[in-house]
Amino acid sequence: MPRVILQEKSYTSSDYFNLSYPTKDIIAEIGYTYSLQRISLPHGNVTDTLHKLKANFYKKLPKISLTSEATIRGYNR
């Protein structure tokens, strides 16, 4: 596998978003891993609207590509 991060180059935080490699490959080169998982946050009175928002979020989350051109354009706004 080719190197994702060039040792002779200095990177800023935004440079990592411009790399055309999957997120897992980029962070593996710097010694980290990540996983997507559901978290439980403390809550009080939760309305029906919030339940619908949460369901919609988790339904669409797997369809979002962090390396797509549209995502990169949205990040750079």
N, C-alpha and C. Protein backbone atom coordinates (compact mmCIF):
# COMPACT_ATOMS: atom_id res chain seq x y z
N MET A 1 0.85 -1.19 0.00
CA MET A 1 0.00 0.00 0.00
C MET A 1 0.89 1.24 0.00
N PRO A 2 0.58 2.23 -0.86
CA PRO A 2 1.40 3.44 -0.89
C PRO A 2 1.21 4.27 0.38
N ARG A 3 2.20 5.08 0.65
CA ARG A 3 2.12 5.95 1.83
C ARG A 3 1.01 6.98 1.63
N VAL A 4 0.22 7.19 2.65
CA VAL A 4 -0.85 8.18 2.60
C VAL A 4 -0.30 9.55 2.97
N ILE A 5 0.56 9.56 3.97
CA ILE A 5 1.14 10.80 4.46
C ILE A 5 2.63 10.80 4.12
N LEU A 6 3.06 11.85 3.45
CA LEU A 6 4.47 11.98 3.07
C LEU A 6 5.27 12.54 4.24
N GLN A 7 6.34 11.86 4.60
CA GLN A 7 7.14 12.27 5.75
C GLN A 7 7.81 13.63 5.55
N GLU A 8 8.15 13.96 4.30
CA GLU A 8 8.86 15.21 4.03
C GLU A 8 7.94 16.42 3.93
N LYS A 9 6.63 16.22 4.04
CA LYS A 9 5.66 17.30 3.93
C LYS A 9 5.07 17.65 5.29
N SER A 10 4.82 18.92 5.49
CA SER A 10 4.16 19.38 6.71
C SER A 10 2.67 19.56 6.41
N TYR A 11 1.81 19.03 7.27
CA TYR A 11 0.36 19.06 7.05
C TYR A 11 -0.34 19.93 8.09
N THR A 12 -1.37 20.64 7.65
CA THR A 12 -2.26 21.35 8.57
C THR A 12 -3.51 20.48 8.72
N SER A 13 -4.37 20.83 9.65
CA SER A 13 -5.60 20.06 9.87
C SER A 13 -6.43 19.98 8.60
N SER A 14 -6.57 21.08 7.89
CA SER A 14 -7.40 21.08 6.68
C SER A 14 -6.77 20.26 5.55
N ASP A 15 -5.45 20.10 5.56
CA ASP A 15 -4.79 19.28 4.53
C ASP A 15 -5.27 17.83 4.57
N TYR A 16 -5.57 17.32 5.75
CA TYR A 16 -6.02 15.94 5.86
C TYR A 16 -7.37 15.73 5.17
N PHE A 17 -8.22 16.76 5.14
CA PHE A 17 -9.52 16.65 4.48
C PHE A 17 -9.36 16.64 2.96
N ASN A 18 -8.24 17.15 2.47
CA ASN A 18 -8.01 17.19 1.02
C ASN A 18 -7.34 15.92 0.50
N LEU A 19 -6.92 15.03 1.38
CA LEU A 19 -6.31 13.78 0.94
C LEU A 19 -7.38 12.88 0.32
N SER A 20 -7.02 12.15 -0.72
CA SER A 20 -8.02 11.33 -1.41
C SER A 20 -7.98 9.88 -0.96
N TYR A 21 -7.68 9.66 0.29
CA TYR A 21 -7.65 8.31 0.87
C TYR A 21 -8.77 8.17 1.88
N PRO A 22 -9.22 6.96 2.13
CA PRO A 22 -10.25 6.76 3.16
C PRO A 22 -9.74 7.19 4.54
N THR A 23 -10.64 7.67 5.36
CA THR A 23 -10.30 8.15 6.69
C THR A 23 -9.53 7.12 7.49
N LYS A 24 -9.95 5.85 7.43
CA LYS A 24 -9.28 4.80 8.20
C LYS A 24 -7.81 4.67 7.81
N ASP A 25 -7.49 4.83 6.52
CA ASP A 25 -6.10 4.74 6.07
C ASP A 25 -5.26 5.92 6.57
N ILE A 26 -5.86 7.10 6.56
CA ILE A 26 -5.13 8.30 7.00
C ILE A 26 -4.79 8.21 8.48
N ILE A 27 -5.79 7.90 9.31
CA ILE A 27 -5.51 7.88 10.74
C ILE A 27 -4.68 6.68 11.16
N ALA A 28 -4.72 5.59 10.37
CA ALA A 28 -3.88 4.42 10.68
C ALA A 28 -2.41 4.79 10.55
N GLU A 29 -2.08 5.67 9.61
CA GLU A 29 -0.69 6.08 9.42
C GLU A 29 -0.15 6.88 10.60
N ILE A 30 -1.03 7.53 11.34
CA ILE A 30 -0.55 8.30 12.49
C ILE A 30 -0.81 7.57 13.81
N GLY A 31 -1.17 6.28 13.69
CA GLY A 31 -1.27 5.44 14.88
C GLY A 31 -2.59 5.44 15.60
N TYR A 32 -3.67 5.81 14.92
CA TYR A 32 -4.98 5.84 15.55
C TYR A 32 -5.96 4.96 14.80
N THR A 33 -7.08 4.66 15.43
CA THR A 33 -8.19 3.97 14.79
C THR A 33 -9.47 4.69 15.19
N TYR A 34 -10.54 4.40 14.50
CA TYR A 34 -11.83 4.95 14.89
C TYR A 34 -12.92 3.96 14.55
N SER A 35 -14.04 4.16 15.16
CA SER A 35 -15.21 3.33 14.83
C SER A 35 -16.45 4.18 15.01
N LEU A 36 -17.44 3.89 14.19
CA LEU A 36 -18.72 4.56 14.34
C LEU A 36 -19.56 3.74 15.31
N GLN A 37 -20.07 4.41 16.32
CA GLN A 37 -20.91 3.71 17.27
C GLN A 37 -21.94 4.67 17.86
N ARG A 38 -23.02 4.12 18.24
CA ARG A 38 -24.10 4.91 18.84
C ARG A 38 -23.69 5.29 20.27
N ILE A 39 -23.94 6.52 20.64
CA ILE A 39 -23.63 6.95 22.00
C ILE A 39 -24.94 7.30 22.72
N SER A 40 -24.91 7.15 24.01
CA SER A 40 -26.08 7.50 24.82
C SER A 40 -25.78 8.81 25.54
N LEU A 41 -26.60 9.80 25.29
CA LEU A 41 -26.44 11.09 25.94
C LEU A 41 -27.52 11.25 27.00
N PRO A 42 -27.21 11.98 28.06
CA PRO A 42 -28.24 12.20 29.08
C PRO A 42 -29.38 13.02 28.49
N HIS A 43 -30.61 12.72 28.89
CA HIS A 43 -31.75 13.46 28.36
C HIS A 43 -32.84 13.55 29.41
N GLY A 44 -33.67 14.55 29.23
CA GLY A 44 -34.80 14.74 30.12
C GLY A 44 -36.07 14.45 29.33
N ASN A 45 -36.89 15.45 29.15
CA ASN A 45 -38.13 15.31 28.39
C ASN A 45 -37.79 15.35 26.90
N VAL A 46 -37.93 14.22 26.26
CA VAL A 46 -37.62 14.13 24.83
C VAL A 46 -38.93 14.14 24.06
N THR A 47 -39.02 15.03 23.10
CA THR A 47 -40.24 15.15 22.32
C THR A 47 -40.23 14.18 21.14
N ASP A 48 -41.37 14.00 20.53
CA ASP A 48 -41.51 13.13 19.37
C ASP A 48 -40.62 13.61 18.22
N THR A 49 -40.49 14.91 18.07
CA THR A 49 -39.67 15.48 17.00
C THR A 49 -38.22 15.07 17.16
N LEU A 50 -37.72 15.07 18.37
CA LEU A 50 -36.34 14.67 18.62
C LEU A 50 -36.13 13.19 18.29
N HIS A 51 -37.09 12.36 18.60
CA HIS A 51 -37.00 10.93 18.26
C HIS A 51 -36.93 10.74 16.74
N LYS A 52 -37.75 11.52 16.00
CA LYS A 52 -37.74 11.44 14.54
C LYS A 52 -36.39 11.91 13.99
N LEU A 53 -35.85 12.98 14.55
CA LEU A 53 -34.55 13.50 14.12
C LEU A 53 -33.46 12.46 14.35
N LYS A 54 -33.45 11.84 15.51
CA LYS A 54 -32.46 10.82 15.83
C LYS A 54 -32.56 9.62 14.88
N ALA A 55 -33.78 9.17 14.61
CA ALA A 55 -33.97 8.04 13.71
C ALA A 55 -33.50 8.38 12.29
N ASN A 56 -33.81 9.58 11.85
CA ASN A 56 -33.40 10.02 10.52
C ASN A 56 -31.88 10.13 10.42
N PHE A 57 -31.25 10.64 11.46
CA PHE A 57 -29.79 10.78 11.50
C PHE A 57 -29.11 9.43 11.36
N TYR A 58 -29.52 8.46 12.16
CA TYR A 58 -28.89 7.14 12.11
C TYR A 58 -29.23 6.37 10.83
N LYS A 59 -30.35 6.72 10.21
CA LYS A 59 -30.72 6.09 8.95
C LYS A 59 -29.81 6.58 7.82
N LYS A 60 -29.47 7.86 7.82
CA LYS A 60 -28.68 8.46 6.74
C LYS A 60 -27.18 8.42 6.98
N LEU A 61 -26.74 8.30 8.21
CA LEU A 61 -25.32 8.35 8.53
C LEU A 61 -24.48 7.36 7.72
N PRO A 62 -24.86 6.11 7.58
CA PRO A 62 -24.02 5.18 6.80
C PRO A 62 -23.90 5.55 5.33
N LYS A 63 -24.76 6.40 4.82
CA LYS A 63 -24.74 6.77 3.41
C LYS A 63 -23.84 7.97 3.12
N ILE A 64 -23.27 8.57 4.16
CA ILE A 64 -22.43 9.74 3.99
C ILE A 64 -20.98 9.30 3.79
N SER A 65 -20.40 9.71 2.67
CA SER A 65 -19.00 9.39 2.39
C SER A 65 -18.14 10.57 2.83
N LEU A 66 -17.19 10.32 3.70
CA LEU A 66 -16.33 11.39 4.18
C LEU A 66 -15.29 11.82 3.16
N THR A 67 -15.15 11.06 2.09
CA THR A 67 -14.15 11.40 1.07
C THR A 67 -14.79 11.83 -0.24
N SER A 68 -16.09 12.04 -0.27
CA SER A 68 -16.74 12.44 -1.52
C SER A 68 -16.48 13.91 -1.81
N GLU A 69 -16.57 14.27 -3.08
CA GLU A 69 -16.35 15.66 -3.50
C GLU A 69 -17.38 16.60 -2.86
N ALA A 70 -18.63 16.16 -2.75
CA ALA A 70 -19.67 17.00 -2.15
C ALA A 70 -19.38 17.27 -0.67
N THR A 71 -18.89 16.29 0.05
CA THR A 71 -18.56 16.47 1.46
C THR A 71 -17.41 17.46 1.60
N ILE A 72 -16.41 17.32 0.76
CA ILE A 72 -15.26 18.23 0.81
C ILE A 72 -15.70 19.65 0.50
N ARG A 73 -16.55 19.85 -0.51
CA ARG A 73 -17.06 21.19 -0.83
C ARG A 73 -17.85 21.75 0.34
N GLY A 74 -18.67 20.94 0.98
CA GLY A 74 -19.46 21.39 2.12
C GLY A 74 -18.59 21.79 3.30
N TYR A 75 -17.48 21.09 3.49
CA TYR A 75 -16.57 21.39 4.60
C TYR A 75 -15.84 22.70 4.36
N ASN A 76 -15.51 23.01 3.11
CA ASN A 76 -14.71 24.19 2.79
C ASN A 76 -15.52 25.46 2.65
N ARG A 77 -16.79 25.43 2.97
CA ARG A 77 -17.61 26.65 2.85
C ARG A 77 -17.26 27.65 3.90
